[in-house]
Every structure is written in structure tokens, then in C-alpha cells.
Amino acid sequence: MGKMLMAKCRTLQEENEEIGMMASEGKIHELGLKLNLQKSQNLELRREIQGLLEYMEMLNEGVEKSHEMVHTLKKHLEEKENEIKKLTEGKKQKVGGKDDKKTNDSVNVVDGAKGSR
């Protein structure tokens, strides 16, 4: 009877080892699947990040072009404002010169009228 118990114990021990190996293999397989899933997700995220980086580069180039355009337009506007200022000052001088001439002519006419009396 002791021999039968020992044989039964060995058989149970072997079965336990097999079950343990299968469980271990199942966990390894499960972990392998999770690892592959993570690798796939990482690859997809890298692609998305690369796309976003390319988009950001395109936006930066657009911003730089916009800044250049603003600078050019600002310079052009300043030139036009200076031109308007010069024209306005020139017009004031012409109008002021005519007023002075009219005033001088009026004074001469008045003086002439006084002298003839």
C-alpha cells in the first residue's frame, strides 16, 4: 500500500508540474500578446506624432511668411504715411502762401486807397 501511495504522489506531482508549465506558458503567451499590442500602439502613436510635427513645421513656415508680409506691409504703410505727410505739409504751405499773398495784396490795396485820398 505504501508503494501505491508513493506512485500516486509521483503521478500527482507530475500532473501539477505539467499544469504549472501550461499556466506559465499561458501567462507568457498572454504577456506576449499584450507586448505586441503595446508595440502596435506605440508605432501608431509615433506615426501620429510625426504627422503632427510635419503639420507644426508647415504652420511655422506659414507664420514666418506672415511675419515677413506684415513687416513688408508695415514698411510700405510708413512710406505712404510719410508721403501723405509731405503732401499735406506742401499743401498747407501753398495754401498759407496764397493767404499771405492775399493778405499782402489786401494791405497794399488798402494802403493804396489811403494814399490816394
Protein backbone atom coordinates (compact mmCIF):
# COMPACT_ATOMS: atom_id res chain seq x y z
CA MET A 1 0.00 0.00 0.00
CA GLY A 2 2.88 2.40 0.66
CA LYS A 3 4.19 1.77 -2.84
CA MET A 4 0.81 2.64 -4.32
CA LEU A 5 0.67 5.85 -2.31
CA MET A 6 4.17 6.81 -3.44
CA ALA A 7 3.28 6.11 -7.07
CA LYS A 8 0.10 8.17 -6.74
CA CYS A 9 2.10 11.03 -5.20
CA ARG A 10 4.59 10.97 -8.10
CA THR A 11 1.77 10.97 -10.62
CA LEU A 12 0.08 13.92 -8.88
CA GLN A 13 3.39 15.76 -8.68
CA GLU A 14 4.00 15.27 -12.42
CA GLU A 15 0.48 16.45 -13.20
CA ASN A 16 0.99 19.54 -11.01
CA GLU A 17 4.24 20.33 -12.83
CA GLU A 18 2.52 19.98 -16.22
CA ILE A 19 -0.36 22.19 -15.10
CA GLY A 20 2.16 24.72 -13.75
CA MET A 21 4.06 24.75 -17.05
CA MET A 22 0.83 25.19 -19.00
CA ALA A 23 -0.24 28.02 -16.73
CA SER A 24 3.18 29.61 -17.07
CA GLU A 25 3.09 29.22 -20.84
CA GLY A 26 -0.41 30.74 -20.86
CA LYS A 27 0.83 33.74 -18.91
CA ILE A 28 3.83 34.10 -21.18
CA HIS A 29 1.56 33.90 -24.21
CA GLU A 30 -0.81 36.45 -22.69
CA LEU A 31 2.08 38.78 -21.89
CA GLY A 32 3.41 38.32 -25.42
CA LEU A 33 0.05 39.35 -26.83
CA LYS A 34 -0.05 42.41 -24.58
CA LEU A 35 3.51 43.30 -25.62
CA ASN A 36 2.62 43.05 -29.31
CA LEU A 37 -0.44 45.23 -28.73
CA GLN A 38 1.69 47.84 -26.94
CA LYS A 39 4.25 47.78 -29.79
CA SER A 40 1.46 48.30 -32.30
CA GLN A 41 0.02 51.21 -30.31
CA ASN A 42 3.48 52.76 -29.92
CA LEU A 43 4.05 52.55 -33.66
CA GLU A 44 0.70 54.22 -34.34
CA LEU A 45 1.47 56.99 -31.82
CA ARG A 46 4.87 57.57 -33.43
CA ARG A 47 3.19 57.95 -36.83
CA GLU A 48 0.67 60.41 -35.40
CA ILE A 49 3.42 62.39 -33.68
CA GLN A 50 5.42 62.51 -36.92
CA GLY A 51 2.35 63.81 -38.73
CA LEU A 52 1.81 66.46 -36.06
CA LEU A 53 5.47 67.52 -36.24
CA GLU A 54 5.20 67.91 -40.01
CA TYR A 55 2.00 69.92 -39.58
CA MET A 56 3.65 72.14 -36.96
CA GLU A 57 6.60 72.74 -39.31
CA MET A 58 4.18 73.77 -42.04
CA LEU A 59 2.41 76.13 -39.62
CA ASN A 60 5.73 77.63 -38.52
CA GLU A 61 6.66 78.30 -42.14
CA GLY A 62 3.28 79.97 -42.65
CA VAL A 63 3.79 82.12 -39.56
CA GLU A 64 7.25 83.16 -40.76
CA LYS A 65 5.83 84.14 -44.16
CA SER A 66 3.05 86.06 -42.43
CA HIS A 67 5.59 87.93 -40.27
CA GLU A 68 7.58 88.83 -43.38
CA MET A 69 4.42 90.06 -45.09
CA VAL A 70 3.43 92.12 -42.05
CA HIS A 71 6.91 93.65 -41.93
CA THR A 72 6.77 94.49 -45.65
CA LEU A 73 3.29 95.97 -45.37
CA LYS A 74 4.25 97.95 -42.28
CA LYS A 75 7.24 99.42 -44.11
CA HIS A 76 5.06 100.23 -47.13
CA LEU A 77 2.46 101.86 -44.85
CA GLU A 78 5.12 104.00 -43.16
CA GLU A 79 6.37 105.13 -46.57
CA LYS A 80 2.85 106.06 -47.65
CA GLU A 81 2.19 107.88 -44.36
CA ASN A 82 5.39 109.88 -44.85
CA GLU A 83 4.34 110.67 -48.42
CA ILE A 84 0.91 111.83 -47.22
CA LYS A 85 2.54 113.93 -44.51
CA LYS A 86 4.84 115.63 -47.05
CA LEU A 87 1.96 116.28 -49.43
CA THR A 88 -0.18 117.64 -46.61
CA GLU A 89 2.62 119.95 -45.44
CA GLY A 90 3.24 121.07 -49.02
CA LYS A 91 -0.45 121.82 -49.48
CA LYS A 92 -0.56 123.79 -46.23
CA GLN A 93 2.44 125.82 -47.34
CA LYS A 94 0.81 126.55 -50.70
CA VAL A 95 -2.47 127.49 -49.05
CA GLY A 96 -0.61 129.51 -46.43
CA GLY A 97 1.44 131.26 -49.13
CA LYS A 98 -1.72 132.18 -51.04
CA ASP A 99 -3.32 133.52 -47.86
CA ASP A 100 -0.21 135.59 -47.19
CA LYS A 101 -0.28 136.88 -50.75
CA LYS A 102 -3.98 137.73 -50.47
CA THR A 103 -3.33 139.41 -47.15
CA ASN A 104 -0.41 141.35 -48.60
CA ASP A 105 -2.47 142.31 -51.65
CA SER A 106 -5.31 143.42 -49.39
CA VAL A 107 -2.93 145.51 -47.32
CA ASN A 108 -1.47 147.05 -50.49
CA VAL A 109 -4.92 147.83 -51.81
CA VAL A 110 -5.91 149.39 -48.50
CA ASP A 111 -2.63 151.30 -48.33
CA GLY A 112 -3.04 152.41 -51.91
CA ALA A 113 -6.56 153.59 -51.19
CA LYS A 114 -5.32 155.55 -48.19
CA GLY A 115 -2.55 157.10 -50.20
CA SER A 116 -4.87 158.25 -52.97
CA ARG A 117 -7.20 160.06 -50.59
